[in-house]
C-alpha atoms as a PDB file:
ATOM      1  CA  MET A   1     108.287 147.567 146.149  1.00  0.00           C
ATOM      2  CA  THR A   2     106.801 146.189 149.203  1.00  0.00           C
ATOM      3  CA  LYS A   3     104.593 147.896 151.770  1.00  0.00           C
ATOM      4  CA  ILE A   4     105.545 147.306 155.460  1.00  0.00           C
ATOM      5  CA  VAL A   5     102.708 147.629 157.674  1.00  0.00           C
ATOM      6  CA  VAL A   6     103.293 148.359 161.390  1.00  0.00           C
ATOM      7  CA  SER A   7     101.554 148.673 164.498  1.00  0.00           C
ATOM      8  CA  PHE A   8     103.826 150.559 166.555  1.00  0.00           C
ATOM      9  CA  ASP A   9     101.706 149.890 169.537  1.00  0.00           C
ATOM     10  CA  ASN A  10     101.694 145.953 169.404  1.00  0.00           C
ATOM     11  CA  MET A  11     105.396 146.315 168.282  1.00  0.00           C
ATOM     12  CA  SER A  12     105.987 148.058 171.754  1.00  0.00           C
ATOM     13  CA  GLY A  13     103.646 145.618 173.832  1.00  0.00           C
ATOM     14  CA  TYR A  14     105.820 142.699 172.318  1.00  0.00           C
ATOM     15  CA  SER A  15     108.772 144.178 172.909  1.00  0.00           C
ATOM     16  CA  SER A  16     107.643 144.536 176.475  1.00  0.00           C
ATOM     17  CA  SER A  17     106.336 141.281 176.945  1.00  0.00           C
ATOM     18  CA  LEU A  18     109.136 139.403 175.650  1.00  0.00           C
ATOM     19  CA  ASN A  19     111.389 141.542 178.351  1.00  0.00           C
ATOM     20  CA  SER A  20     109.105 140.937 181.090  1.00  0.00           C
ATOM     21  CA  LYS A  21     109.333 137.367 180.382  1.00  0.00           C
ATOM     22  CA  ARG A  22     113.105 137.403 179.969  1.00  0.00           C
ATOM     23  CA  GLU A  23     113.131 139.031 183.322  1.00  0.00           C
ATOM     24  CA  GLU A  24     111.243 136.242 185.039  1.00  0.00           C
ATOM     25  CA  PHE A  25     113.351 133.629 183.222  1.00  0.00           C
ATOM     26  CA  ASN A  26     116.276 135.330 184.348  1.00  0.00           C
ATOM     27  CA  SER A  27     114.757 134.974 187.699  1.00  0.00           C
ATOM     28  CA  VAL A  28     114.447 131.638 187.809  1.00  0.00           C
ATOM     29  CA  ILE A  29     118.018 130.873 186.582  1.00  0.00           C
ATOM     30  CA  THR A  30     119.092 132.926 189.553  1.00  0.00           C
ATOM     31  CA  GLU A  31     117.041 130.819 192.343  1.00  0.00           C
ATOM     32  CA  MET A  32     118.232 127.617 190.622  1.00  0.00           C
ATOM     33  CA  LYS A  33     122.080 129.150 190.889  1.00  0.00           C
ATOM     34  CA  LYS A  34     121.201 129.633 194.617  1.00  0.00           C
ATOM     35  CA  ILE A  35     119.664 126.309 195.058  1.00  0.00           C
ATOM     36  CA  VAL A  36     122.657 124.471 193.604  1.00  0.00           C
ATOM     37  CA  GLU A  37     125.068 126.398 195.709  1.00  0.00           C
ATOM     38  CA  ASP A  38     123.018 125.828 198.771  1.00  0.00           C
ATOM     39  CA  LEU A  39     123.206 122.004 197.671  1.00  0.00           C
ATOM     40  CA  ARG A  40     127.079 122.202 197.540  1.00  0.00           C
ATOM     41  CA  ILE A  41     127.540 123.479 201.162  1.00  0.00           C
ATOM     42  CA  SER A  42     124.756 120.429 202.030  1.00  0.00           C
ATOM     43  CA  TRP A  43     126.381 117.652 199.708  1.00  0.00           C
ATOM     44  CA  VAL A  44     129.948 116.347 199.662  1.00  0.00           C
ATOM     45  CA  GLY A  45     131.390 113.767 197.376  1.00  0.00           C
ATOM     46  CA  VAL A  46     132.036 112.798 193.975  1.00  0.00           C
ATOM     47  CA  ASP A  47     128.280 112.711 193.053  1.00  0.00           C
ATOM     48  CA  SER A  48     127.941 116.252 194.352  1.00  0.00           C
ATOM     49  CA  VAL A  49     130.879 117.155 192.015  1.00  0.00           C
ATOM     50  CA  LYS A  50     129.290 115.550 188.841  1.00  0.00           C
ATOM     51  CA  PHE A  51     125.914 117.097 190.013  1.00  0.00           C
ATOM     52  CA  ARG A  52     127.258 120.512 190.265  1.00  0.00           C
ATOM     53  CA  GLU A  53     129.210 120.292 187.091  1.00  0.00           C
ATOM     54  CA  ASN A  54     125.955 118.897 185.335  1.00  0.00           C
ATOM     55  CA  ALA A  55     123.634 122.073 186.838  1.00  0.00           C
ATOM     56  CA  THR A  56     126.344 124.317 186.313  1.00  0.00           C
ATOM     57  CA  ASN A  57     126.559 123.429 182.529  1.00  0.00           C
ATOM     58  CA  TYR A  58     122.458 123.428 182.319  1.00  0.00           C
ATOM     59  CA  LEU A  59     122.225 127.150 183.858  1.00  0.00           C
ATOM     60  CA  ASN A  60     124.833 128.072 181.700  1.00  0.00           C
ATOM     61  CA  ASN A  61     122.936 126.767 178.545  1.00  0.00           C
ATOM     62  CA  LEU A  62     119.881 128.499 179.970  1.00  0.00           C
ATOM     63  CA  LYS A  63     121.611 131.446 180.402  1.00  0.00           C
ATOM     64  CA  VAL A  64     122.405 131.271 176.566  1.00  0.00           C
ATOM     65  CA  VAL A  65     118.758 131.303 176.050  1.00  0.00           C
ATOM     66  CA  GLU A  66     118.220 134.310 178.269  1.00  0.00           C
ATOM     67  CA  ASN A  67     120.451 136.317 176.602  1.00  0.00           C
ATOM     68  CA  SER A  68     118.728 135.492 173.041  1.00  0.00           C
ATOM     69  CA  LEU A  69     115.570 136.651 174.636  1.00  0.00           C
ATOM     70  CA  ALA A  70     117.316 139.842 175.373  1.00  0.00           C
ATOM     71  CA  ASP A  71     118.547 139.895 171.712  1.00  0.00           C
ATOM     72  CA  ALA A  72     115.081 139.282 170.365  1.00  0.00           C
ATOM     73  CA  CYS A  73     113.538 141.941 172.944  1.00  0.00           C
ATOM     74  CA  SER A  74     116.167 144.421 171.960  1.00  0.00           C
ATOM     75  CA  GLU A  75     115.808 144.000 168.216  1.00  0.00           C
ATOM     76  CA  VAL A  76     112.014 144.146 168.264  1.00  0.00           C
ATOM     77  CA  LYS A  77     112.598 147.684 169.966  1.00  0.00           C
ATOM     78  CA  SER A  78     115.074 148.584 167.451  1.00  0.00           C
ATOM     79  CA  GLN A  79     113.035 147.681 164.361  1.00  0.00           C
ATOM     80  CA  ASN A  80     109.825 149.737 166.260  1.00  0.00           C
ATOM     81  CA  ASN A  81     111.757 152.644 166.868  1.00  0.00           C
ATOM     82  CA  LEU A  82     113.435 152.480 163.381  1.00  0.00           C
ATOM     83  CA  TYR A  83     109.906 152.319 161.601  1.00  0.00           C
ATOM     84  CA  GLN A  84     108.386 155.088 163.574  1.00  0.00           C
ATOM     85  CA  ASP A  85     111.442 157.257 162.572  1.00  0.00           C
ATOM     86  CA  ARG A  86     110.970 156.340 159.291  1.00  0.00           C
ATOM     87  CA  CYS A  87     107.314 156.908 159.146  1.00  0.00           C
ATOM     88  CA  SER A  88     107.480 160.081 160.930  1.00  0.00           C
ATOM     89  CA  LYS A  89     109.359 161.608 158.218  1.00  0.00           C
ATOM     90  CA  PHE A  90     107.048 160.597 155.442  1.00  0.00           C
ATOM     91  CA  ASN A  91     103.802 162.217 157.380  1.00  0.00           C
END
């Protein structure tokens, strides 16, 4: 049987760090959306429409990355809780 060695404090710290960076990433996405929206008000024409479409696609893809970071954070936190729960049953 393979032995699992876990530092609960480290895993919790990594989960918190991931979540903090995810929140920062999400803030950047929100700021970029506002910039694109502000630009929409100031720029009208065929080129502006294409720019908005490209920017919207880009920002949507960034949101997918942000959601993946949220999933990773949740997974690390969940696994840490699971390991702690199981470890406490054996101690």
